Amino acid sequence: MGIGVIARDHHRSAIMMLCASKEYISDPTMAKVVAAWRAVELACRLDLQGIMLEGLHKNGSCWSLYGQDRQVVYETKMLGQHQVWEVNHMRRVANNATHCLAKLAFVRRIWRHDFLRV
């Protein structure tokens, strides 16, 4: 399963993109959880402020956590160090770039703003 993450600034311009393959994940819901975790991790590492996580959803379903994946809840608490953050769910047509990144996720890649032309 592939994941895609895009970090955008307050103008919605892409400043970083990441895609990665997670062979141990076969459930699309868990792939979304892992993508959210990676987004939070990158935001903290880059000291990004005013974080907004946008996750794809399909027909009203949303992210869920279960079983051994409770670690994701703990790691997501990293958001607590930021004054402003929110989580939104979007339809795929509104965030097609993230979906395309997930398709590219055979090899882990990270792009920085100086290489982007989105």
C-alpha atoms as a PDB file:
ATOM      1  CA  MET A   1       0.000   0.000   0.000  1.00  0.00           C
ATOM      2  CA  GLY A   2       1.295   3.481  -0.766  1.00  0.00           C
ATOM      3  CA  ILE A   3       0.893   6.703   1.197  1.00  0.00           C
ATOM      4  CA  GLY A   4       1.207  10.299   0.059  1.00  0.00           C
ATOM      5  CA  VAL A   5       1.686  13.450   2.154  1.00  0.00           C
ATOM      6  CA  ILE A   6       1.764  17.070   0.992  1.00  0.00           C
ATOM      7  CA  ALA A   7       2.717  20.008   3.234  1.00  0.00           C
ATOM      8  CA  ARG A   8       1.259  23.315   2.067  1.00  0.00           C
ATOM      9  CA  ASP A   9       1.749  26.873   3.259  1.00  0.00           C
ATOM     10  CA  HIS A  10      -1.027  29.337   4.123  1.00  0.00           C
ATOM     11  CA  HIS A  11      -1.414  30.125   0.397  1.00  0.00           C
ATOM     12  CA  ARG A  12      -1.997  26.382  -0.254  1.00  0.00           C
ATOM     13  CA  SER A  13       1.292  26.187  -2.190  1.00  0.00           C
ATOM     14  CA  ALA A  14       3.122  22.874  -1.789  1.00  0.00           C
ATOM     15  CA  ILE A  15       6.302  23.185   0.288  1.00  0.00           C
ATOM     16  CA  MET A  16       7.028  19.477   0.746  1.00  0.00           C
ATOM     17  CA  MET A  17       5.765  16.179  -0.630  1.00  0.00           C
ATOM     18  CA  LEU A  18       6.472  12.653   0.532  1.00  0.00           C
ATOM     19  CA  CYS A  19       5.441   9.243  -0.701  1.00  0.00           C
ATOM     20  CA  ALA A  20       6.296   5.870   0.767  1.00  0.00           C
ATOM     21  CA  SER A  21       5.397   2.239   0.317  1.00  0.00           C
ATOM     22  CA  LYS A  22       4.207   0.376   3.390  1.00  0.00           C
ATOM     23  CA  GLU A  23       4.281  -3.329   2.544  1.00  0.00           C
ATOM     24  CA  TYR A  24       2.913  -4.307   5.952  1.00  0.00           C
ATOM     25  CA  ILE A  25      -0.297  -2.307   5.372  1.00  0.00           C
ATOM     26  CA  SER A  26      -3.113  -3.854   3.375  1.00  0.00           C
ATOM     27  CA  ASP A  27      -6.022  -1.869   4.826  1.00  0.00           C
ATOM     28  CA  PRO A  28      -6.742   1.525   3.179  1.00  0.00           C
ATOM     29  CA  THR A  29      -7.955   2.963   6.490  1.00  0.00           C
ATOM     30  CA  MET A  30      -4.663   2.093   8.154  1.00  0.00           C
ATOM     31  CA  ALA A  31      -2.769   3.634   5.220  1.00  0.00           C
ATOM     32  CA  LYS A  32      -4.623   6.894   5.930  1.00  0.00           C
ATOM     33  CA  VAL A  33      -3.686   6.698   9.603  1.00  0.00           C
ATOM     34  CA  VAL A  34      -0.011   6.132   8.752  1.00  0.00           C
ATOM     35  CA  ALA A  35      -0.085   9.022   6.261  1.00  0.00           C
ATOM     36  CA  ALA A  36      -1.536  11.306   8.950  1.00  0.00           C
ATOM     37  CA  TRP A  37       1.159  10.205  11.378  1.00  0.00           C
ATOM     38  CA  ARG A  38       3.907  10.922   8.806  1.00  0.00           C
ATOM     39  CA  ALA A  39       2.392  14.353   8.137  1.00  0.00           C
ATOM     40  CA  VAL A  40       2.473  15.192  11.847  1.00  0.00           C
ATOM     41  CA  GLU A  41       6.014  13.867  12.166  1.00  0.00           C
ATOM     42  CA  LEU A  42       7.228  15.991   9.226  1.00  0.00           C
ATOM     43  CA  ALA A  43       5.435  19.084  10.497  1.00  0.00           C
ATOM     44  CA  CYS A  44       7.102  18.730  13.891  1.00  0.00           C
ATOM     45  CA  ARG A  45      10.501  18.023  12.387  1.00  0.00           C
ATOM     46  CA  LEU A  46      10.252  21.108  10.140  1.00  0.00           C
ATOM     47  CA  ASP A  47       8.723  23.222  12.932  1.00  0.00           C
ATOM     48  CA  LEU A  48       5.748  24.098  10.736  1.00  0.00           C
ATOM     49  CA  GLN A  49       3.057  26.210  12.412  1.00  0.00           C
ATOM     50  CA  GLY A  50      -0.701  26.437  11.806  1.00  0.00           C
ATOM     51  CA  ILE A  51      -0.955  22.785  10.776  1.00  0.00           C
ATOM     52  CA  MET A  52      -3.982  21.535   8.849  1.00  0.00           C
ATOM     53  CA  LEU A  53      -4.138  17.803   8.081  1.00  0.00           C
ATOM     54  CA  GLU A  54      -6.308  16.866   5.134  1.00  0.00           C
ATOM     55  CA  GLY A  55      -7.211  13.220   4.735  1.00  0.00           C
ATOM     56  CA  LEU A  56      -9.027  11.613   1.865  1.00  0.00           C
ATOM     57  CA  HIS A  57     -12.337  10.028   2.672  1.00  0.00           C
ATOM     58  CA  LYS A  58     -14.789   8.063   0.628  1.00  0.00           C
ATOM     59  CA  ASN A  59     -18.574   8.173   1.011  1.00  0.00           C
ATOM     60  CA  GLY A  60     -18.608   9.615   4.500  1.00  0.00           C
ATOM     61  CA  SER A  61     -16.165   7.177   6.077  1.00  0.00           C
ATOM     62  CA  CYS A  62     -13.389   8.602   8.210  1.00  0.00           C
ATOM     63  CA  TRP A  63     -10.129   7.550   9.824  1.00  0.00           C
ATOM     64  CA  SER A  64     -10.374   4.994  12.586  1.00  0.00           C
ATOM     65  CA  LEU A  65      -7.832   3.552  14.988  1.00  0.00           C
ATOM     66  CA  TYR A  66      -7.829   0.042  16.339  1.00  0.00           C
ATOM     67  CA  GLY A  67      -5.697  -2.700  17.882  1.00  0.00           C
ATOM     68  CA  GLN A  68      -1.930  -2.346  17.752  1.00  0.00           C
ATOM     69  CA  ASP A  69      -2.190   1.032  16.059  1.00  0.00           C
ATOM     70  CA  ARG A  70      -2.836   2.921  19.290  1.00  0.00           C
ATOM     71  CA  GLN A  71       0.753   4.143  18.982  1.00  0.00           C
ATOM     72  CA  VAL A  72      -0.523   6.452  16.249  1.00  0.00           C
ATOM     73  CA  VAL A  73      -2.747   8.182  18.816  1.00  0.00           C
ATOM     74  CA  TYR A  74       0.257   8.737  21.064  1.00  0.00           C
ATOM     75  CA  GLU A  75       2.409  10.066  18.236  1.00  0.00           C
ATOM     76  CA  THR A  76      -0.345  12.367  17.000  1.00  0.00           C
ATOM     77  CA  LYS A  77      -0.180  14.099  20.378  1.00  0.00           C
ATOM     78  CA  MET A  78       2.877  15.788  18.892  1.00  0.00           C
ATOM     79  CA  LEU A  79       0.322  18.245  17.534  1.00  0.00           C
ATOM     80  CA  GLY A  80      -0.092  19.492  21.100  1.00  0.00           C
ATOM     81  CA  GLN A  81       3.097  21.525  20.795  1.00  0.00           C
ATOM     82  CA  HIS A  82       1.459  23.627  18.074  1.00  0.00           C
ATOM     83  CA  GLN A  83      -0.901  26.465  18.915  1.00  0.00           C
ATOM     84  CA  VAL A  84      -3.091  25.978  15.849  1.00  0.00           C
ATOM     85  CA  TRP A  85      -3.948  22.719  14.112  1.00  0.00           C
ATOM     86  CA  GLU A  86      -6.961  21.012  12.586  1.00  0.00           C
ATOM     87  CA  VAL A  87      -7.877  17.824  10.766  1.00  0.00           C
ATOM     88  CA  ASN A  88     -10.162  17.839   7.713  1.00  0.00           C
ATOM     89  CA  HIS A  89     -11.513  15.090   5.514  1.00  0.00           C
ATOM     90  CA  MET A  90     -11.707  15.773   1.771  1.00  0.00           C
ATOM     91  CA  ARG A  91     -13.008  14.006  -1.265  1.00  0.00           C
ATOM     92  CA  ARG A  92     -10.315  12.636  -3.572  1.00  0.00           C
ATOM     93  CA  VAL A  93     -11.171  15.111  -6.356  1.00  0.00           C
ATOM     94  CA  ALA A  94     -10.282  17.962  -3.970  1.00  0.00           C
ATOM     95  CA  ASN A  95      -6.841  16.518  -3.210  1.00  0.00           C
ATOM     96  CA  ASN A  96      -5.848  14.495  -6.250  1.00  0.00           C
ATOM     97  CA  ALA A  97      -2.145  15.297  -5.789  1.00  0.00           C
ATOM     98  CA  THR A  98      -1.984  13.258  -2.569  1.00  0.00           C
ATOM     99  CA  HIS A  99      -3.727  10.342  -4.264  1.00  0.00           C
ATOM    100  CA  CYS A 100      -1.215  10.475  -7.147  1.00  0.00           C
ATOM    101  CA  LEU A 101       1.686  10.526  -4.664  1.00  0.00           C
ATOM    102  CA  ALA A 102       0.361   7.379  -3.023  1.00  0.00           C
ATOM    103  CA  LYS A 103       0.435   5.688  -6.430  1.00  0.00           C
ATOM    104  CA  LEU A 104       4.128   6.646  -6.812  1.00  0.00           C
ATOM    105  CA  ALA A 105       5.002   5.141  -3.457  1.00  0.00           C
ATOM    106  CA  PHE A 106       7.188   2.243  -4.503  1.00  0.00           C
ATOM    107  CA  VAL A 107      10.237   4.061  -3.136  1.00  0.00           C
ATOM    108  CA  ARG A 108      10.294   6.605  -0.318  1.00  0.00           C
ATOM    109  CA  ARG A 109      10.742  10.106  -1.701  1.00  0.00           C
ATOM    110  CA  ILE A 110      10.700  13.562  -0.156  1.00  0.00           C
ATOM    111  CA  TRP A 111      10.564  16.762  -2.180  1.00  0.00           C
ATOM    112  CA  ARG A 112      11.366  20.205  -0.755  1.00  0.00           C
ATOM    113  CA  HIS A 113       9.891  23.501  -1.942  1.00  0.00           C
ATOM    114  CA  ASP A 114      12.996  24.402  -3.977  1.00  0.00           C
ATOM    115  CA  PHE A 115      12.348  21.382  -6.228  1.00  0.00           C
ATOM    116  CA  LEU A 116       8.584  21.745  -6.587  1.00  0.00           C
ATOM    117  CA  ARG A 117       6.779  23.167  -9.564  1.00  0.00           C
ATOM    118  CA  VAL A 118       3.173  22.370  -8.593  1.00  0.00           C
END
